[in-house]
Protein backbone atom coordinates (compact mmCIF):
# COMPACT_ATOMS: atom_id res chain seq x y z
CA UNK A 1 0.00 0.00 0.00
CA UNK A 2 2.72 2.50 0.95
CA UNK A 3 5.28 3.12 -1.78
CA UNK A 4 7.16 6.19 -0.48
CA UNK A 5 9.70 6.01 2.30
CA UNK A 6 10.66 9.66 2.91
CA UNK A 7 9.34 11.32 6.04
CA UNK A 8 7.34 14.53 6.04
CA UNK A 9 6.06 16.66 8.90
CA UNK A 10 2.38 17.57 8.86
CA UNK A 11 1.45 20.67 10.85
CA UNK A 12 -2.24 21.13 11.59
CA UNK A 13 -3.70 24.51 12.44
CA UNK A 14 -7.24 25.10 13.66
CA UNK A 15 -7.54 28.89 13.45
CA UNK A 16 -4.98 31.62 12.88
CA UNK A 17 -6.40 34.77 14.44
CA UNK A 18 -5.28 38.15 15.77
CA UNK A 19 -6.85 37.20 19.11
CA UNK A 20 -7.02 33.44 19.64
CA UNK A 21 -10.32 32.35 21.15
CA UNK A 22 -9.29 28.94 22.52
CA UNK A 23 -6.03 27.25 23.47
CA UNK A 24 -5.64 25.46 20.12
CA UNK A 25 -5.88 28.67 18.06
CA UNK A 26 -2.66 30.35 16.95
CA UNK A 27 -2.16 34.08 16.82
CA UNK A 28 -1.16 35.72 13.57
CA UNK A 29 2.18 36.67 15.14
CA UNK A 30 2.79 33.06 16.24
CA UNK A 31 1.95 31.78 12.77
CA UNK A 32 4.38 34.25 11.18
CA UNK A 33 7.05 33.03 13.60
CA UNK A 34 6.33 29.41 12.65
CA UNK A 35 6.80 30.30 8.96
CA UNK A 36 10.08 32.08 9.74
CA UNK A 37 11.30 29.02 11.63
CA UNK A 38 10.38 26.75 8.73
CA UNK A 39 12.27 29.03 6.34
CA UNK A 40 15.31 29.13 8.63
CA UNK A 41 15.26 25.32 8.78
CA UNK A 42 15.19 25.13 4.96
CA UNK A 43 11.87 23.31 5.13
CA UNK A 44 10.06 22.67 1.86
CA UNK A 45 6.33 23.25 2.19
CA UNK A 46 4.49 20.90 -0.14
CA UNK A 47 0.84 20.31 -0.99
CA UNK A 48 -0.92 17.50 0.85
CA UNK A 49 -1.60 15.91 -2.55
CA UNK A 50 2.17 15.52 -3.06
CA UNK A 51 2.49 13.64 0.22
CA UNK A 52 -0.42 11.41 -0.79
CA UNK A 53 1.22 10.71 -4.17
CA UNK A 54 4.47 9.90 -2.38
CA UNK A 55 2.79 7.47 -0.04
CA UNK A 56 0.63 5.79 -2.69
CA UNK A 57 2.83 5.93 -5.78
CA UNK A 58 6.36 6.68 -4.60
CA UNK A 59 6.48 10.25 -5.98
CA UNK A 60 9.72 11.90 -4.88
CA UNK A 61 9.54 14.47 -2.12
CA UNK A 62 12.09 17.14 -1.31
CA UNK A 63 14.17 16.85 1.83
CA UNK A 64 12.61 18.42 4.91
CA UNK A 65 9.12 18.25 3.41
CA UNK A 66 6.37 19.91 5.46
CA UNK A 67 2.61 19.99 4.86
CA UNK A 68 0.53 22.76 6.43
CA UNK A 69 -3.11 21.88 7.04
CA UNK A 70 -5.99 24.00 8.29
CA UNK A 71 -9.05 22.20 9.66
CA UNK A 72 -12.71 23.16 9.60
CA UNK A 73 -12.43 25.77 6.83
CA UNK A 74 -13.30 28.69 9.10
CA UNK A 75 -12.41 32.23 8.07
CA UNK A 76 -9.60 32.35 10.66
């Protein structure tokens, strides 16, 4: 079933807001800092579809691959 062998980090965000409403929300400033840290680490942000294709069909992924996901589809 799984063809790919490279690892990828998947970061899940609930809401990114100026004023987080609950503990699992992230402020806009925190999110910017996360992006700066990913850039400093030479992370390669990829679409979730690329990770799926890697796992199912062995599509190559870049080193330090990272997928950013946002659940629920809220405006935040």
